[in-house]
PDB file of all heavy atoms in Angstrom:
ATOM      1  N   HIS A   1       6.629  -3.017   3.683  1.00  0.00           N
ATOM      2  CA  HIS A   1       7.624  -2.528   4.678  1.00  0.00           C
ATOM      3  C   HIS A   1       7.361  -1.069   5.005  1.00  0.00           C
ATOM      4  O   HIS A   1       7.518  -0.621   6.135  1.00  0.00           O
ATOM      5  CB  HIS A   1       9.028  -2.693   4.119  1.00  0.00           C
ATOM      6  CG  HIS A   1      10.100  -2.271   5.057  1.00  0.00           C
ATOM      7  ND1 HIS A   1      10.482  -3.007   6.156  1.00  0.00           N
ATOM      8  CD2 HIS A   1      10.906  -1.154   5.063  1.00  0.00           C
ATOM      9  CE1 HIS A   1      11.457  -2.366   6.804  1.00  0.00           C
ATOM     10  NE2 HIS A   1      11.728  -1.235   6.159  1.00  0.00           N
ATOM     11  N   ALA A   2       6.975  -0.290   3.988  1.00  0.00           N
ATOM     12  CA  ALA A   2       6.779   1.134   4.153  1.00  0.00           C
ATOM     13  C   ALA A   2       5.714   1.453   5.202  1.00  0.00           C
ATOM     14  O   ALA A   2       5.879   2.349   6.041  1.00  0.00           O
ATOM     15  CB  ALA A   2       6.392   1.791   2.828  1.00  0.00           C
ATOM     16  N   ILE A   3       4.619   0.730   5.156  1.00  0.00           N
ATOM     17  CA  ILE A   3       3.470   1.060   6.026  1.00  0.00           C
ATOM     18  C   ILE A   3       3.396   0.265   7.311  1.00  0.00           C
ATOM     19  O   ILE A   3       2.548   0.546   8.170  1.00  0.00           O
ATOM     20  CB  ILE A   3       2.137   0.940   5.242  1.00  0.00           C
ATOM     21  CG1 ILE A   3       1.814  -0.549   4.925  1.00  0.00           C
ATOM     22  CG2 ILE A   3       2.159   1.777   3.974  1.00  0.00           C
ATOM     23  CD1 ILE A   3       0.417  -0.747   4.398  1.00  0.00           C
ATOM     24  N   GLU A   4       4.309  -0.693   7.480  1.00  0.00           N
ATOM     25  CA  GLU A   4       4.225  -1.632   8.603  1.00  0.00           C
ATOM     26  C   GLU A   4       4.126  -0.910   9.966  1.00  0.00           C
ATOM     27  O   GLU A   4       3.288  -1.326  10.788  1.00  0.00           O
ATOM     28  CB  GLU A   4       5.425  -2.554   8.587  1.00  0.00           C
ATOM     29  CG  GLU A   4       5.400  -3.611   9.660  1.00  0.00           C
ATOM     30  CD  GLU A   4       6.604  -4.534   9.588  1.00  0.00           C
ATOM     31  OE1 GLU A   4       7.505  -4.287   8.762  1.00  0.00           O
ATOM     32  OE2 GLU A   4       6.623  -5.509  10.359  1.00  0.00           O
ATOM     33  N   PRO A   5       4.884   0.116  10.271  1.00  0.00           N
ATOM     34  CA  PRO A   5       4.799   0.748  11.598  1.00  0.00           C
ATOM     35  C   PRO A   5       3.519   1.561  11.828  1.00  0.00           C
ATOM     36  O   PRO A   5       3.231   1.935  12.952  1.00  0.00           O
ATOM     37  CB  PRO A   5       6.031   1.672  11.641  1.00  0.00           C
ATOM     38  CG  PRO A   5       6.876   1.294  10.517  1.00  0.00           C
ATOM     39  CD  PRO A   5       5.958   0.745   9.479  1.00  0.00           C
ATOM     40  N   TYR A   6       2.780   1.820  10.788  1.00  0.00           N
ATOM     41  CA  TYR A   6       1.697   2.798  10.868  1.00  0.00           C
ATOM     42  C   TYR A   6       0.301   2.200  10.771  1.00  0.00           C
ATOM     43  O   TYR A   6      -0.668   2.910  10.889  1.00  0.00           O
ATOM     44  CB  TYR A   6       1.870   3.857   9.756  1.00  0.00           C
ATOM     45  CG  TYR A   6       3.276   4.368   9.670  1.00  0.00           C
ATOM     46  CD1 TYR A   6       4.105   4.014   8.596  1.00  0.00           C
ATOM     47  CD2 TYR A   6       3.814   5.170  10.666  1.00  0.00           C
ATOM     48  CE1 TYR A   6       5.417   4.466   8.534  1.00  0.00           C
ATOM     49  CE2 TYR A   6       5.117   5.623  10.608  1.00  0.00           C
ATOM     50  CZ  TYR A   6       5.905   5.279   9.539  1.00  0.00           C
ATOM     51  OH  TYR A   6       7.208   5.729   9.466  1.00  0.00           O
ATOM     52  N   THR A   7       0.200   0.911  10.530  1.00  0.00           N
ATOM     53  CA  THR A   7      -1.076   0.252  10.459  1.00  0.00           C
ATOM     54  C   THR A   7      -0.912  -1.216  10.783  1.00  0.00           C
ATOM     55  O   THR A   7       0.133  -1.822  10.498  1.00  0.00           O
ATOM     56  CB  THR A   7      -1.697   0.399   9.047  1.00  0.00           C
ATOM     57  OG1 THR A   7      -2.931  -0.313   8.999  1.00  0.00           O
ATOM     58  CG2 THR A   7      -0.769  -0.134   7.973  1.00  0.00           C
ATOM     59  N   GLU A   8      -1.932  -1.792  11.390  1.00  0.00           N
ATOM     60  CA  GLU A   8      -1.906  -3.229  11.707  1.00  0.00           C
ATOM     61  C   GLU A   8      -2.442  -4.053  10.556  1.00  0.00           C
ATOM     62  O   GLU A   8      -2.225  -5.269  10.522  1.00  0.00           O
ATOM     63  CB  GLU A   8      -2.751  -3.506  12.960  1.00  0.00           C
ATOM     64  CG  GLU A   8      -2.159  -2.881  14.238  1.00  0.00           C
ATOM     65  CD  GLU A   8      -2.971  -3.203  15.463  1.00  0.00           C
ATOM     66  OE1 GLU A   8      -3.993  -3.919  15.334  1.00  0.00           O
ATOM     67  OE2 GLU A   8      -2.587  -2.756  16.557  1.00  0.00           O
ATOM     68  N   LYS A   9      -3.124  -3.412   9.636  1.00  0.00           N
ATOM     69  CA  LYS A   9      -3.709  -4.125   8.516  1.00  0.00           C
ATOM     70  C   LYS A   9      -2.672  -4.512   7.498  1.00  0.00           C
ATOM     71  O   LYS A   9      -1.777  -3.711   7.179  1.00  0.00           O
ATOM     72  CB  LYS A   9      -4.805  -3.272   7.851  1.00  0.00           C
ATOM     73  CG  LYS A   9      -5.507  -3.951   6.682  1.00  0.00           C
ATOM     74  CD  LYS A   9      -6.655  -3.134   6.183  1.00  0.00           C
ATOM     75  CE  LYS A   9      -7.247  -3.669   4.883  1.00  0.00           C
ATOM     76  NZ  LYS A   9      -7.674  -5.074   4.992  1.00  0.00           N
ATOM     77  N   ARG A  10      -2.728  -5.710   6.997  1.00  0.00           N
ATOM     78  CA  ARG A  10      -1.863  -6.146   5.928  1.00  0.00           C
ATOM     79  C   ARG A  10      -2.709  -6.280   4.648  1.00  0.00           C
ATOM     80  O   ARG A  10      -3.762  -6.940   4.651  1.00  0.00           O
ATOM     81  CB  ARG A  10      -1.208  -7.509   6.274  1.00  0.00           C
ATOM     82  CG  ARG A  10      -0.233  -7.363   7.435  1.00  0.00           C
ATOM     83  CD  ARG A  10       0.928  -6.474   7.080  1.00  0.00           C
ATOM     84  NE  ARG A  10       1.785  -6.064   8.203  1.00  0.00           N
ATOM     85  CZ  ARG A  10       1.712  -4.919   8.831  1.00  0.00           C
ATOM     86  NH1 ARG A  10       0.794  -4.013   8.429  1.00  0.00           N
ATOM     87  NH2 ARG A  10       2.476  -4.624   9.835  1.00  0.00           N
ATOM     88  N   HIS A  11      -2.189  -5.711   3.566  1.00  0.00           N
ATOM     89  CA  HIS A  11      -2.987  -5.592   2.374  1.00  0.00           C
ATOM     90  C   HIS A  11      -2.611  -6.678   1.357  1.00  0.00           C
ATOM     91  O   HIS A  11      -1.465  -7.102   1.281  1.00  0.00           O
ATOM     92  CB  HIS A  11      -2.801  -4.218   1.735  1.00  0.00           C
ATOM     93  CG  HIS A  11      -3.269  -3.101   2.640  1.00  0.00           C
ATOM     94  ND1 HIS A  11      -4.590  -2.749   2.737  1.00  0.00           N
ATOM     95  CD2 HIS A  11      -2.620  -2.299   3.513  1.00  0.00           C
ATOM     96  CE1 HIS A  11      -4.727  -1.769   3.625  1.00  0.00           C
ATOM     97  NE2 HIS A  11      -3.538  -1.464   4.086  1.00  0.00           N
ATOM     98  N   THR A  12      -3.613  -7.096   0.588  1.00  0.00           N
ATOM     99  CA  THR A  12      -3.413  -8.123  -0.431  1.00  0.00           C
ATOM    100  C   THR A  12      -2.743  -7.515  -1.646  1.00  0.00           C
ATOM    101  O   THR A  12      -2.708  -6.271  -1.818  1.00  0.00           O
ATOM    102  CB  THR A  12      -4.749  -8.738  -0.858  1.00  0.00           C
ATOM    103  OG1 THR A  12      -5.548  -7.713  -1.483  1.00  0.00           O
ATOM    104  CG2 THR A  12      -5.512  -9.278   0.351  1.00  0.00           C
ATOM    105  N   ARG A  13      -2.227  -8.346  -2.497  1.00  0.00           N
ATOM    106  CA  ARG A  13      -1.628  -7.914  -3.742  1.00  0.00           C
ATOM    107  C   ARG A  13      -2.664  -7.150  -4.567  1.00  0.00           C
ATOM    108  O   ARG A  13      -2.361  -6.144  -5.209  1.00  0.00           O
ATOM    109  CB  ARG A  13      -1.110  -9.104  -4.533  1.00  0.00           C
ATOM    110  CG  ARG A  13       0.044  -9.852  -3.856  1.00  0.00           C
ATOM    111  CD  ARG A  13       0.257 -11.211  -4.466  1.00  0.00           C
ATOM    112  NE  ARG A  13       0.988 -11.152  -5.716  1.00  0.00           N
ATOM    113  CZ  ARG A  13       2.310 -11.214  -5.811  1.00  0.00           C
ATOM    114  NH1 ARG A  13       3.057 -11.286  -4.719  1.00  0.00           N
ATOM    115  NH2 ARG A  13       2.904 -11.177  -6.988  1.00  0.00           N
ATOM    116  N   GLU A  14      -3.897  -7.640  -4.555  1.00  0.00           N
ATOM    117  CA  GLU A  14      -4.948  -7.019  -5.339  1.00  0.00           C
ATOM    118  C   GLU A  14      -5.270  -5.611  -4.848  1.00  0.00           C
ATOM    119  O   GLU A  14      -5.503  -4.687  -5.635  1.00  0.00           O
ATOM    120  CB  GLU A  14      -6.228  -7.862  -5.293  1.00  0.00           C
ATOM    121  CG  GLU A  14      -6.149  -9.169  -6.071  1.00  0.00           C
ATOM    122  CD  GLU A  14      -5.223 -10.197  -5.434  1.00  0.00           C
ATOM    123  OE1 GLU A  14      -5.060 -10.168  -4.195  1.00  0.00           O
ATOM    124  OE2 GLU A  14      -4.668 -11.037  -6.193  1.00  0.00           O
ATOM    125  N   GLU A  15      -5.194  -5.399  -3.529  1.00  0.00           N
ATOM    126  CA  GLU A  15      -5.397  -4.047  -2.972  1.00  0.00           C
ATOM    127  C   GLU A  15      -4.283  -3.112  -3.386  1.00  0.00           C
ATOM    128  O   GLU A  15      -4.532  -1.943  -3.724  1.00  0.00           O
ATOM    129  CB  GLU A  15      -5.501  -4.135  -1.453  1.00  0.00           C
ATOM    130  CG  GLU A  15      -6.831  -4.751  -0.945  1.00  0.00           C
ATOM    131  CD  GLU A  15      -6.832  -4.918   0.539  1.00  0.00           C
ATOM    132  OE1 GLU A  15      -5.863  -5.483   1.120  1.00  0.00           O
ATOM    133  OE2 GLU A  15      -7.819  -4.501   1.166  1.00  0.00           O
ATOM    134  N   TRP A  16      -3.055  -3.625  -3.374  1.00  0.00           N
ATOM    135  CA  TRP A  16      -1.954  -2.790  -3.829  1.00  0.00           C
ATOM    136  C   TRP A  16      -2.082  -2.480  -5.318  1.00  0.00           C
ATOM    137  O   TRP A  16      -1.883  -1.334  -5.728  1.00  0.00           O
ATOM    138  CB  TRP A  16      -0.631  -3.468  -3.563  1.00  0.00           C
ATOM    139  CG  TRP A  16      -0.154  -3.416  -2.136  1.00  0.00           C
ATOM    140  CD1 TRP A  16       0.078  -4.454  -1.269  1.00  0.00           C
ATOM    141  CD2 TRP A  16       0.168  -2.225  -1.386  1.00  0.00           C
ATOM    142  NE1 TRP A  16       0.507  -3.988  -0.031  1.00  0.00           N
ATOM    143  CE2 TRP A  16       0.582  -2.624  -0.083  1.00  0.00           C
ATOM    144  CE3 TRP A  16       0.144  -0.849  -1.687  1.00  0.00           C
ATOM    145  CZ2 TRP A  16       0.950  -1.737   0.889  1.00  0.00           C
ATOM    146  CZ3 TRP A  16       0.537   0.055  -0.707  1.00  0.00           C
ATOM    147  CH2 TRP A  16       0.918  -0.390   0.566  1.00  0.00           C
ATOM    148  N   PHE A  17      -2.418  -3.486  -6.136  1.00  0.00           N
ATOM    149  CA  PHE A  17      -2.570  -3.268  -7.563  1.00  0.00           C
ATOM    150  C   PHE A  17      -3.605  -2.182  -7.844  1.00  0.00           C
ATOM    151  O   PHE A  17      -3.414  -1.345  -8.711  1.00  0.00           O
ATOM    152  CB  PHE A  17      -2.987  -4.584  -8.264  1.00  0.00           C
ATOM    153  CG  PHE A  17      -1.950  -5.632  -8.301  1.00  0.00           C
ATOM    154  CD1 PHE A  17      -2.305  -6.959  -8.479  1.00  0.00           C
ATOM    155  CD2 PHE A  17      -0.589  -5.341  -8.149  1.00  0.00           C
ATOM    156  CE1 PHE A  17      -1.360  -7.964  -8.502  1.00  0.00           C
ATOM    157  CE2 PHE A  17       0.374  -6.328  -8.174  1.00  0.00           C
ATOM    158  CZ  PHE A  17      -0.020  -7.643  -8.353  1.00  0.00           C
ATOM    159  N   ALA A  18      -4.691  -2.225  -7.100  1.00  0.00           N
ATOM    160  CA  ALA A  18      -5.777  -1.259  -7.303  1.00  0.00           C
ATOM    161  C   ALA A  18      -5.327   0.168  -6.974  1.00  0.00           C
ATOM    162  O   ALA A  18      -5.868   1.136  -7.503  1.00  0.00           O
ATOM    163  CB  ALA A  18      -7.001  -1.621  -6.452  1.00  0.00           C
ATOM    164  N   ALA A  19      -4.330   0.291  -6.098  1.00  0.00           N
ATOM    165  CA  ALA A  19      -3.824   1.612  -5.679  1.00  0.00           C
ATOM    166  C   ALA A  19      -2.722   2.135  -6.615  1.00  0.00           C
ATOM    167  O   ALA A  19      -2.410   3.329  -6.593  1.00  0.00           O
ATOM    168  CB  ALA A  19      -3.279   1.541  -4.266  1.00  0.00           C
ATOM    169  N   PHE A  20      -2.174   1.254  -7.464  1.00  0.00           N
ATOM    170  CA  PHE A  20      -1.056   1.675  -8.335  1.00  0.00           C
ATOM    171  C   PHE A  20      -1.561   2.712  -9.343  1.00  0.00           C
ATOM    172  O   PHE A  20      -2.713   2.771  -9.722  1.00  0.00           O
ATOM    173  CB  PHE A  20      -0.497   0.499  -9.100  1.00  0.00           C
ATOM    174  CG  PHE A  20       0.346  -0.420  -8.256  1.00  0.00           C
ATOM    175  CD1 PHE A  20       0.905  -1.580  -8.839  1.00  0.00           C
ATOM    176  CD2 PHE A  20       0.598  -0.182  -6.959  1.00  0.00           C
ATOM    177  CE1 PHE A  20       1.702  -2.430  -8.088  1.00  0.00           C
ATOM    178  CE2 PHE A  20       1.401  -1.034  -6.193  1.00  0.00           C
ATOM    179  CZ  PHE A  20       1.938  -2.158  -6.744  1.00  0.00           C
ATOM    180  N   GLY A  21      -0.625   3.563  -9.792  1.00  0.00           N
ATOM    181  CA  GLY A  21      -0.916   4.599 -10.748  1.00  0.00           C
ATOM    182  C   GLY A  21      -0.112   5.841 -10.443  1.00  0.00           C
ATOM    183  O   GLY A  21       0.747   6.249 -11.235  1.00  0.00           O
ATOM    184  N   PRO A  22      -0.351   6.472  -9.303  1.00  0.00           N
ATOM    185  CA  PRO A  22       0.444   7.641  -8.929  1.00  0.00           C
ATOM    186  C   PRO A  22       1.806   7.238  -8.365  1.00  0.00           C
ATOM    187  O   PRO A  22       2.117   6.041  -8.227  1.00  0.00           O
ATOM    188  CB  PRO A  22      -0.376   8.319  -7.855  1.00  0.00           C
ATOM    189  CG  PRO A  22      -1.235   7.220  -7.246  1.00  0.00           C
ATOM    190  CD  PRO A  22      -1.473   6.264  -8.362  1.00  0.00           C
ATOM    191  N   ALA A  23       2.670   8.203  -8.051  1.00  0.00           N
ATOM    192  CA  ALA A  23       3.969   7.949  -7.471  1.00  0.00           C
ATOM    193  C   ALA A  23       3.836   7.243  -6.119  1.00  0.00           C
ATOM    194  O   ALA A  23       2.797   7.286  -5.479  1.00  0.00           O
ATOM    195  CB  ALA A  23       4.757   9.257  -7.297  1.00  0.00           C
ATOM    196  N   GLU A  24       4.928   6.617  -5.698  1.00  0.00           N
ATOM    197  CA  GLU A  24       4.870   5.744  -4.509  1.00  0.00           C
ATOM    198  C   GLU A  24       4.326   6.433  -3.243  1.00  0.00           C
ATOM    199  O   GLU A  24       3.552   5.862  -2.496  1.00  0.00           O
ATOM    200  CB  GLU A  24       6.264   5.190  -4.228  1.00  0.00           C
ATOM    201  CG  GLU A  24       6.835   4.302  -5.277  1.00  0.00           C
ATOM    202  CD  GLU A  24       7.765   5.036  -6.249  1.00  0.00           C
ATOM    203  OE1 GLU A  24       7.805   6.273  -6.224  1.00  0.00           O
ATOM    204  OE2 GLU A  24       8.440   4.336  -7.025  1.00  0.00           O
ATOM    205  N   MET A  25       4.727   7.704  -3.037  1.00  0.00           N
ATOM    206  CA  MET A  25       4.305   8.385  -1.826  1.00  0.00           C
ATOM    207  C   MET A  25       2.767   8.528  -1.823  1.00  0.00           C
ATOM    208  O   MET A  25       2.111   8.424  -0.761  1.00  0.00           O
ATOM    209  CB  MET A  25       4.966   9.721  -1.677  1.00  0.00           C
ATOM    210  CG  MET A  25       4.870  10.270  -0.250  1.00  0.00           C
ATOM    211  SD  MET A  25       5.679  11.868  -0.010  1.00  0.00           S
ATOM    212  CE  MET A  25       7.395  11.486  -0.501  1.00  0.00           C
ATOM    213  N   ASP A  26       2.175   8.789  -2.973  1.00  0.00           N
ATOM    214  CA  ASP A  26       0.736   8.915  -3.058  1.00  0.00           C
ATOM    215  C   ASP A  26       0.036   7.586  -2.933  1.00  0.00           C
ATOM    216  O   ASP A  26      -1.105   7.485  -2.427  1.00  0.00           O
ATOM    217  CB  ASP A  26       0.328   9.613  -4.372  1.00  0.00           C
ATOM    218  CG  ASP A  26       0.764  11.047  -4.384  1.00  0.00           C
ATOM    219  OD1 ASP A  26       0.718  11.700  -3.343  1.00  0.00           O
ATOM    220  OD2 ASP A  26       1.120  11.560  -5.471  1.00  0.00           O
ATOM    221  N   VAL A  27       0.659   6.511  -3.402  1.00  0.00           N
ATOM    222  CA  VAL A  27       0.109   5.160  -3.175  1.00  0.00           C
ATOM    223  C   VAL A  27       0.081   4.860  -1.686  1.00  0.00           C
ATOM    224  O   VAL A  27      -0.916   4.419  -1.146  1.00  0.00           O
ATOM    225  CB  VAL A  27       0.935   4.099  -3.941  1.00  0.00           C
ATOM    226  CG1 VAL A  27       0.476   2.701  -3.536  1.00  0.00           C
ATOM    227  CG2 VAL A  27       0.850   4.305  -5.437  1.00  0.00           C
TER     228      VAL A  27
END
């Protein structure tokens, strides 16, 4: 929901998992 207005690409769970680690804004 956060990125929906700013990109047409929809990311997989695996892509999100790979980005996890820093705080939400940095993800």
